[in-house]
């Protein structure tokens, strides 16, 4: 956990404003995540899969709230534009993960990965971020930095290079990755658009040596 140790240095007016924030405590408890997961994995000849579902209850998520200081003075002899305070918030996260790998031949394989995440704040108070919108409560919104959907597809073909000896191989790999919308503010008004990235790689390798020509974000 942590302690809002600067609280005692603030002016009485600022202390009253901060103490009125929902969930404020001088001593902020330790963060705690109760996590549950259920899944299975299996290898079936040339095919392998792994799937799982999970649920996480995140308590005492640290949320820093900045309160403006009148005339850039937060307290007696304490200049500053804002008085920060750590408030305990909460969030719930649950989702599904799946991986599938297949070896079609001795030289050709492919891998697929899929992730779906549902993340929501249980309660979150951030007045400076949300104030211009007329809201000071982001409860029920998606946490910053959590894409709801992610996925990737990779396929590789490799073969021997007999004119360089049996230990050298050449390979060609294609990669496609998808990242869904990512919110960048707590009120979910701004976001990074979904992105699809394509990569190609061509190379030769032997033991621990690899020479590769690649193009990313094609």
C-alpha atoms as a PDB file:
ATOM      1  CA  UNK A   1       0.000   0.000   0.000  1.00  0.00           C
ATOM      2  CA  UNK A   2       0.951   3.615   0.422  1.00  0.00           C
ATOM      3  CA  UNK A   3       0.321   6.648   2.612  1.00  0.00           C
ATOM      4  CA  UNK A   4      -0.933  10.099   1.599  1.00  0.00           C
ATOM      5  CA  UNK A   5       1.825  11.609   3.707  1.00  0.00           C
ATOM      6  CA  UNK A   6       1.575  15.103   2.179  1.00  0.00           C
ATOM      7  CA  UNK A   7      -2.034  15.478   3.417  1.00  0.00           C
ATOM      8  CA  UNK A   8      -0.975  17.008   6.737  1.00  0.00           C
ATOM      9  CA  UNK A   9       1.016  19.729   4.915  1.00  0.00           C
ATOM     10  CA  UNK A  10      -1.963  21.016   2.927  1.00  0.00           C
ATOM     11  CA  UNK A  11      -4.203  23.947   3.741  1.00  0.00           C
ATOM     12  CA  UNK A  12      -7.428  23.182   5.655  1.00  0.00           C
ATOM     13  CA  UNK A  13      -9.494  23.957   2.535  1.00  0.00           C
ATOM     14  CA  UNK A  14      -7.530  21.484   0.396  1.00  0.00           C
ATOM     15  CA  UNK A  15      -7.670  18.873   3.144  1.00  0.00           C
ATOM     16  CA  UNK A  16     -11.451  19.179   3.211  1.00  0.00           C
ATOM     17  CA  UNK A  17     -11.684  18.867  -0.592  1.00  0.00           C
ATOM     18  CA  UNK A  18      -9.455  15.786  -0.724  1.00  0.00           C
ATOM     19  CA  UNK A  19     -11.073  14.109   2.278  1.00  0.00           C
ATOM     20  CA  UNK A  20     -14.443  14.439   0.492  1.00  0.00           C
ATOM     21  CA  UNK A  21     -13.244  12.378  -2.504  1.00  0.00           C
ATOM     22  CA  UNK A  22     -15.091   9.026  -2.530  1.00  0.00           C
ATOM     23  CA  UNK A  23     -12.819   6.276  -1.244  1.00  0.00           C
ATOM     24  CA  UNK A  24     -10.163   8.559   0.240  1.00  0.00           C
ATOM     25  CA  UNK A  25      -8.073   7.164   3.098  1.00  0.00           C
ATOM     26  CA  UNK A  26      -4.847   8.433   4.651  1.00  0.00           C
ATOM     27  CA  UNK A  27      -3.425   4.887   4.557  1.00  0.00           C
ATOM     28  CA  UNK A  28      -4.175   3.217   1.219  1.00  0.00           C
ATOM     29  CA  UNK A  29      -4.384  -0.581   1.538  1.00  0.00           C
ATOM     30  CA  UNK A  30      -2.223  -2.987  -0.437  1.00  0.00           C
ATOM     31  CA  UNK A  31      -3.459  -3.861  -3.911  1.00  0.00           C
ATOM     32  CA  UNK A  32      -5.032  -7.300  -4.088  1.00  0.00           C
ATOM     33  CA  UNK A  33      -6.069  -9.356  -7.114  1.00  0.00           C
ATOM     34  CA  UNK A  34      -8.229 -12.453  -6.697  1.00  0.00           C
ATOM     35  CA  UNK A  35      -7.614 -14.447  -9.880  1.00  0.00           C
ATOM     36  CA  UNK A  36      -9.417 -17.558 -11.116  1.00  0.00           C
ATOM     37  CA  UNK A  37      -8.568 -19.496 -14.267  1.00  0.00           C
ATOM     38  CA  UNK A  38      -9.906 -22.640 -15.891  1.00  0.00           C
ATOM     39  CA  UNK A  39      -8.577 -24.184 -19.070  1.00  0.00           C
ATOM     40  CA  UNK A  40      -7.162 -27.155 -20.885  1.00  0.00           C
ATOM     41  CA  UNK A  41      -4.419 -28.057 -23.307  1.00  0.00           C
ATOM     42  CA  UNK A  42      -3.661 -31.115 -25.368  1.00  0.00           C
ATOM     43  CA  UNK A  43      -1.363 -32.440 -28.087  1.00  0.00           C
ATOM     44  CA  UNK A  44      -3.024 -34.512 -30.800  1.00  0.00           C
ATOM     45  CA  UNK A  45      -0.392 -35.732 -33.243  1.00  0.00           C
ATOM     46  CA  UNK A  46       0.590 -32.724 -35.345  1.00  0.00           C
ATOM     47  CA  UNK A  47      -1.967 -30.454 -33.628  1.00  0.00           C
ATOM     48  CA  UNK A  48      -1.778 -28.684 -30.269  1.00  0.00           C
ATOM     49  CA  UNK A  49      -4.274 -26.428 -28.537  1.00  0.00           C
ATOM     50  CA  UNK A  50      -4.547 -24.518 -25.279  1.00  0.00           C
ATOM     51  CA  UNK A  51      -7.689 -22.646 -24.189  1.00  0.00           C
ATOM     52  CA  UNK A  52      -8.506 -20.910 -20.924  1.00  0.00           C
ATOM     53  CA  UNK A  53     -11.013 -18.564 -19.311  1.00  0.00           C
ATOM     54  CA  UNK A  54     -10.162 -16.282 -16.395  1.00  0.00           C
ATOM     55  CA  UNK A  55     -11.682 -13.795 -13.967  1.00  0.00           C
ATOM     56  CA  UNK A  56      -9.792 -11.211 -11.874  1.00  0.00           C
ATOM     57  CA  UNK A  57     -11.157  -8.973  -9.119  1.00  0.00           C
ATOM     58  CA  UNK A  58      -8.690  -6.097  -8.629  1.00  0.00           C
ATOM     59  CA  UNK A  59      -9.066  -4.253  -5.306  1.00  0.00           C
ATOM     60  CA  UNK A  60      -7.273  -1.107  -4.102  1.00  0.00           C
ATOM     61  CA  UNK A  61      -6.092  -0.201  -7.594  1.00  0.00           C
ATOM     62  CA  UNK A  62      -3.987   2.917  -7.061  1.00  0.00           C
ATOM     63  CA  UNK A  63      -5.548   5.975  -8.664  1.00  0.00           C
ATOM     64  CA  UNK A  64      -3.729   9.307  -8.314  1.00  0.00           C
ATOM     65  CA  UNK A  65      -6.097  12.292  -8.102  1.00  0.00           C
ATOM     66  CA  UNK A  66      -4.658  15.805  -8.507  1.00  0.00           C
ATOM     67  CA  UNK A  67      -6.509  18.690  -6.882  1.00  0.00           C
ATOM     68  CA  UNK A  68      -5.653  22.260  -8.055  1.00  0.00           C
ATOM     69  CA  UNK A  69      -3.973  24.478  -5.463  1.00  0.00           C
ATOM     70  CA  UNK A  70      -5.385  28.051  -5.304  1.00  0.00           C
ATOM     71  CA  UNK A  71      -2.785  30.646  -6.325  1.00  0.00           C
ATOM     72  CA  UNK A  72      -0.212  27.819  -6.724  1.00  0.00           C
ATOM     73  CA  UNK A  73      -0.012  27.443  -2.954  1.00  0.00           C
ATOM     74  CA  UNK A  74      -1.010  24.032  -1.578  1.00  0.00           C
ATOM     75  CA  UNK A  75      -0.302  24.819   2.069  1.00  0.00           C
ATOM     76  CA  UNK A  76       1.715  27.027   4.395  1.00  0.00           C
ATOM     77  CA  UNK A  77       5.173  27.240   2.793  1.00  0.00           C
ATOM     78  CA  UNK A  78       4.213  24.563   0.221  1.00  0.00           C
ATOM     79  CA  UNK A  79       4.088  25.961  -3.333  1.00  0.00           C
ATOM     80  CA  UNK A  80       2.640  23.831  -6.114  1.00  0.00           C
ATOM     81  CA  UNK A  81       0.043  23.704  -8.859  1.00  0.00           C
ATOM     82  CA  UNK A  82      -1.626  20.478  -7.723  1.00  0.00           C
ATOM     83  CA  UNK A  83      -1.955  18.425  -4.560  1.00  0.00           C
ATOM     84  CA  UNK A  84      -1.821  14.701  -5.427  1.00  0.00           C
ATOM     85  CA  UNK A  85      -3.644  12.043  -3.447  1.00  0.00           C
ATOM     86  CA  UNK A  86      -3.760   8.284  -4.015  1.00  0.00           C
ATOM     87  CA  UNK A  87      -7.293   6.889  -3.956  1.00  0.00           C
ATOM     88  CA  UNK A  88      -8.123   3.182  -3.852  1.00  0.00           C
ATOM     89  CA  UNK A  89     -10.158   2.136  -6.892  1.00  0.00           C
ATOM     90  CA  UNK A  90     -11.295  -1.253  -8.182  1.00  0.00           C
ATOM     91  CA  UNK A  91     -11.695  -3.094 -11.475  1.00  0.00           C
ATOM     92  CA  UNK A  92     -12.944  -6.415 -12.853  1.00  0.00           C
ATOM     93  CA  UNK A  93     -11.197  -8.204 -15.698  1.00  0.00           C
ATOM     94  CA  UNK A  94     -12.288 -11.395 -17.387  1.00  0.00           C
ATOM     95  CA  UNK A  95     -11.626 -12.989 -20.734  1.00  0.00           C
ATOM     96  CA  UNK A  96     -10.700 -15.909 -22.940  1.00  0.00           C
ATOM     97  CA  UNK A  97      -7.354 -17.018 -24.382  1.00  0.00           C
ATOM     98  CA  UNK A  98      -6.776 -19.613 -27.098  1.00  0.00           C
ATOM     99  CA  UNK A  99      -3.703 -20.939 -28.914  1.00  0.00           C
ATOM    100  CA  UNK A 100      -3.653 -23.407 -31.808  1.00  0.00           C
ATOM    101  CA  UNK A 101      -0.518 -24.858 -33.387  1.00  0.00           C
ATOM    102  CA  UNK A 102      -0.416 -27.212 -36.370  1.00  0.00           C
ATOM    103  CA  UNK A 103       2.389 -28.911 -38.283  1.00  0.00           C
ATOM    104  CA  UNK A 104       0.970 -29.682 -41.705  1.00  0.00           C
ATOM    105  CA  UNK A 105       4.182 -31.302 -42.944  1.00  0.00           C
ATOM    106  CA  UNK A 106       7.711 -31.714 -41.616  1.00  0.00           C
ATOM    107  CA  UNK A 107       8.543 -28.357 -43.201  1.00  0.00           C
ATOM    108  CA  UNK A 108       5.368 -26.291 -42.860  1.00  0.00           C
ATOM    109  CA  UNK A 109       3.703 -25.176 -39.614  1.00  0.00           C
ATOM    110  CA  UNK A 110       1.287 -22.491 -38.442  1.00  0.00           C
ATOM    111  CA  UNK A 111       0.191 -20.898 -35.169  1.00  0.00           C
ATOM    112  CA  UNK A 112      -2.941 -18.932 -34.236  1.00  0.00           C
ATOM    113  CA  UNK A 113      -3.442 -16.963 -31.007  1.00  0.00           C
ATOM    114  CA  UNK A 114      -6.626 -15.197 -29.907  1.00  0.00           C
ATOM    115  CA  UNK A 115      -7.314 -13.070 -26.812  1.00  0.00           C
ATOM    116  CA  UNK A 116     -10.554 -11.451 -25.683  1.00  0.00           C
ATOM    117  CA  UNK A 117     -10.501  -9.229 -22.584  1.00  0.00           C
ATOM    118  CA  UNK A 118     -13.402  -7.499 -20.860  1.00  0.00           C
ATOM    119  CA  UNK A 119     -12.049  -4.954 -18.359  1.00  0.00           C
ATOM    120  CA  UNK A 120     -14.134  -2.397 -16.458  1.00  0.00           C
ATOM    121  CA  UNK A 121     -13.529   0.004 -13.578  1.00  0.00           C
ATOM    122  CA  UNK A 122     -15.732  -0.799 -10.612  1.00  0.00           C
ATOM    123  CA  UNK A 123     -15.227   2.723  -9.275  1.00  0.00           C
ATOM    124  CA  UNK A 124     -12.827   5.441 -10.382  1.00  0.00           C
ATOM    125  CA  UNK A 125     -12.780   9.128  -9.511  1.00  0.00           C
ATOM    126  CA  UNK A 126     -10.519  11.442 -11.548  1.00  0.00           C
ATOM    127  CA  UNK A 127     -11.860  15.015 -11.488  1.00  0.00           C
ATOM    128  CA  UNK A 128      -9.153  16.694 -13.590  1.00  0.00           C
ATOM    129  CA  UNK A 129      -9.416  14.160 -16.404  1.00  0.00           C
ATOM    130  CA  UNK A 130     -13.183  14.041 -16.424  1.00  0.00           C
ATOM    131  CA  UNK A 131     -14.034  17.547 -15.290  1.00  0.00           C
ATOM    132  CA  UNK A 132     -14.189  19.111 -18.798  1.00  0.00           C
ATOM    133  CA  UNK A 133     -16.826  16.522 -19.765  1.00  0.00           C
ATOM    134  CA  UNK A 134     -19.009  17.289 -16.766  1.00  0.00           C
ATOM    135  CA  UNK A 135     -18.297  13.890 -15.193  1.00  0.00           C
ATOM    136  CA  UNK A 136     -16.058  12.967 -12.275  1.00  0.00           C
ATOM    137  CA  UNK A 137     -16.868   9.269 -12.209  1.00  0.00           C
ATOM    138  CA  UNK A 138     -15.422   6.717 -14.656  1.00  0.00           C
ATOM    139  CA  UNK A 139     -17.056   3.710 -13.034  1.00  0.00           C
ATOM    140  CA  UNK A 140     -17.974   1.111 -15.631  1.00  0.00           C
ATOM    141  CA  UNK A 141     -15.500   2.454 -18.194  1.00  0.00           C
ATOM    142  CA  UNK A 142     -12.710   0.451 -19.829  1.00  0.00           C
ATOM    143  CA  UNK A 143      -9.258   0.852 -18.213  1.00  0.00           C
ATOM    144  CA  UNK A 144      -6.620   2.679 -20.199  1.00  0.00           C
ATOM    145  CA  UNK A 145      -4.344   0.459 -22.300  1.00  0.00           C
ATOM    146  CA  UNK A 146      -6.559  -2.663 -22.476  1.00  0.00           C
ATOM    147  CA  UNK A 147      -7.342  -3.757 -26.060  1.00  0.00           C
ATOM    148  CA  UNK A 148     -10.487  -5.883 -25.974  1.00  0.00           C
ATOM    149  CA  UNK A 149      -9.405  -8.139 -28.848  1.00  0.00           C
ATOM    150  CA  UNK A 150      -5.946  -9.303 -29.930  1.00  0.00           C
ATOM    151  CA  UNK A 151      -4.900 -12.002 -32.336  1.00  0.00           C
ATOM    152  CA  UNK A 152      -2.045 -13.298 -34.441  1.00  0.00           C
ATOM    153  CA  UNK A 153      -1.421 -15.759 -37.256  1.00  0.00           C
ATOM    154  CA  UNK A 154       2.076 -17.041 -38.050  1.00  0.00           C
ATOM    155  CA  UNK A 155       3.075 -19.579 -40.663  1.00  0.00           C
ATOM    156  CA  UNK A 156       6.571 -20.817 -41.506  1.00  0.00           C
ATOM    157  CA  UNK A 157       8.000 -22.958 -44.269  1.00  0.00           C
ATOM    158  CA  UNK A 158      11.571 -24.242 -44.060  1.00  0.00           C
ATOM    159  CA  UNK A 159      13.797 -26.512 -46.117  1.00  0.00           C
ATOM    160  CA  UNK A 160      17.402 -27.648 -46.291  1.00  0.00           C
ATOM    161  CA  UNK A 161      20.147 -25.928 -48.276  1.00  0.00           C
ATOM    162  CA  UNK A 162      22.068 -28.964 -49.580  1.00  0.00           C
ATOM    163  CA  UNK A 163      24.712 -26.908 -51.353  1.00  0.00           C
ATOM    164  CA  UNK A 164      25.700 -25.434 -47.958  1.00  0.00           C
ATOM    165  CA  UNK A 165      25.609 -28.748 -46.132  1.00  0.00           C
ATOM    166  CA  UNK A 166      22.816 -30.598 -44.384  1.00  0.00           C
ATOM    167  CA  UNK A 167      22.959 -28.385 -41.294  1.00  0.00           C
ATOM    168  CA  UNK A 168      21.915 -25.142 -43.060  1.00  0.00           C
ATOM    169  CA  UNK A 169      18.218 -24.382 -43.609  1.00  0.00           C
ATOM    170  CA  UNK A 170      16.327 -21.595 -45.310  1.00  0.00           C
ATOM    171  CA  UNK A 171      12.928 -20.421 -44.091  1.00  0.00           C
ATOM    172  CA  UNK A 172      10.122 -18.061 -45.018  1.00  0.00           C
ATOM    173  CA  UNK A 173       7.706 -16.745 -42.382  1.00  0.00           C
ATOM    174  CA  UNK A 174       4.566 -14.661 -42.631  1.00  0.00           C
ATOM    175  CA  UNK A 175       3.125 -12.915 -39.585  1.00  0.00           C
ATOM    176  CA  UNK A 176      -0.199 -11.106 -39.136  1.00  0.00           C
ATOM    177  CA  UNK A 177      -1.115  -9.434 -35.841  1.00  0.00           C
ATOM    178  CA  UNK A 178      -4.323  -7.625 -34.899  1.00  0.00           C
ATOM    179  CA  UNK A 179      -4.796  -5.264 -31.964  1.00  0.00           C
ATOM    180  CA  UNK A 180      -8.238  -3.891 -31.187  1.00  0.00           C
ATOM    181  CA  UNK A 181      -9.247  -0.434 -30.005  1.00  0.00           C
ATOM    182  CA  UNK A 182      -7.236   0.882 -27.031  1.00  0.00           C
ATOM    183  CA  UNK A 183      -8.712   3.666 -24.907  1.00  0.00           C
ATOM    184  CA  UNK A 184      -6.255   6.330 -23.740  1.00  0.00           C
ATOM    185  CA  UNK A 185      -8.454   8.255 -21.288  1.00  0.00           C
ATOM    186  CA  UNK A 186     -10.615   7.048 -18.422  1.00  0.00           C
ATOM    187  CA  UNK A 187     -13.864   8.450 -19.828  1.00  0.00           C
ATOM    188  CA  UNK A 188     -13.265   6.473 -23.059  1.00  0.00           C
ATOM    189  CA  UNK A 189     -13.610   9.482 -25.376  1.00  0.00           C
ATOM    190  CA  UNK A 190     -10.149   9.057 -26.958  1.00  0.00           C
ATOM    191  CA  UNK A 191      -8.639   5.896 -28.352  1.00  0.00           C
ATOM    192  CA  UNK A 192      -6.087   4.302 -30.662  1.00  0.00           C
ATOM    193  CA  UNK A 193      -7.781   2.695 -33.660  1.00  0.00           C
ATOM    194  CA  UNK A 194      -7.593  -1.061 -34.266  1.00  0.00           C
ATOM    195  CA  UNK A 195      -4.430  -2.054 -36.109  1.00  0.00           C
ATOM    196  CA  UNK A 196      -3.516  -4.912 -38.444  1.00  0.00           C
ATOM    197  CA  UNK A 197       0.205  -5.453 -38.985  1.00  0.00           C
ATOM    198  CA  UNK A 198       1.753  -7.741 -41.605  1.00  0.00           C
ATOM    199  CA  UNK A 199       5.392  -8.894 -41.465  1.00  0.00           C
ATOM    200  CA  UNK A 200       7.445 -11.092 -43.803  1.00  0.00           C
ATOM    201  CA  UNK A 201      10.772 -12.783 -43.068  1.00  0.00           C
ATOM    202  CA  UNK A 202      13.228 -14.720 -45.230  1.00  0.00           C
ATOM    203  CA  UNK A 203      16.422 -16.174 -43.855  1.00  0.00           C
ATOM    204  CA  UNK A 204      18.931 -18.964 -43.414  1.00  0.00           C
ATOM    205  CA  UNK A 205      20.046 -20.518 -40.134  1.00  0.00           C
ATOM    206  CA  UNK A 206      22.376 -23.074 -38.701  1.00  0.00           C
ATOM    207  CA  UNK A 207      22.503 -23.993 -35.013  1.00  0.00           C
ATOM    208  CA  UNK A 208      22.760 -20.637 -33.241  1.00  0.00           C
ATOM    209  CA  UNK A 209      23.481 -18.565 -36.364  1.00  0.00           C
ATOM    210  CA  UNK A 210      20.754 -16.790 -38.339  1.00  0.00           C
ATOM    211  CA  UNK A 211      20.839 -14.360 -41.251  1.00  0.00           C
ATOM    212  CA  UNK A 212      17.481 -12.760 -41.965  1.00  0.00           C
ATOM    213  CA  UNK A 213      15.909 -10.297 -44.383  1.00  0.00           C
ATOM    214  CA  UNK A 214      12.612  -8.901 -43.092  1.00  0.00           C
ATOM    215  CA  UNK A 215       9.950  -6.304 -43.711  1.00  0.00           C
ATOM    216  CA  UNK A 216       7.650  -5.151 -40.904  1.00  0.00           C
ATOM    217  CA  UNK A 217       4.314  -3.373 -41.038  1.00  0.00           C
ATOM    218  CA  UNK A 218       3.919  -4.087 -44.739  1.00  0.00           C
END
